[in-house]
Amino acid sequence: MKYARTVTIVFFMIFLTALSGCNSKKEKVGQPSLKKADQVTPSPHSSGAIVAVPQDEVDVVAVKTHIFSLVKDGNFSAIYKDASAGFREVGPEQQFVAMWQNQLMETGAFKGAKEVSHTVRPEDKSLVFIYDVQYEKKHKALRLTFRRSEKGVLELTGINQKDLPKTGK
């Protein structure tokens, strides 16, 4: 009986040690911890809480400005080259450039963009921005996704555009 009780106690100690090890917050090398003070408050347009590294929120402004400048200039080749390696693995540069040139034939020249929402994907901490984009001929919804690379550079990881729903005007 004493042996069974000792085995049970040892088992519980191992279980509790394993459980506490699974719940400990170990920081990965090169990745900052997100303390309560470091969290970013939600955008007025978003529906959930956003948790982002403040430096990402600062750095993304210049990257977004650069992307919109390239869209306005029709320099889709530069967008492709500046994007993340994962972005470029999706398809060849020529295909990306041709797709966006076809978009411009349909929409006309880029006139401006208004941010509609801003969120952070919880699974990978990517910053996602949705814009209402005005072109010469029509409005479109544009989604830009950014994430920091292993080298520490904030990069474009996704750019998607779709038609906005028709309104009764």
Foldseek 3Di string as FASTA:
>chain_A
DVVVVVVVVVVVVVVVVVVVVVPDDDDDPPDDDQDPVQADAFDPQDDDGAGAGVVCVVQVVVVVVVVVVCQQVLVQLVLLVQADPLQCVVDHSVVRSVVSVVVCVVQPGWDDWDWNGWHADPVQRKIKTWIFTHHPHATKIKIWIWDADPVGRIGTNDIDIDHDDDDPD
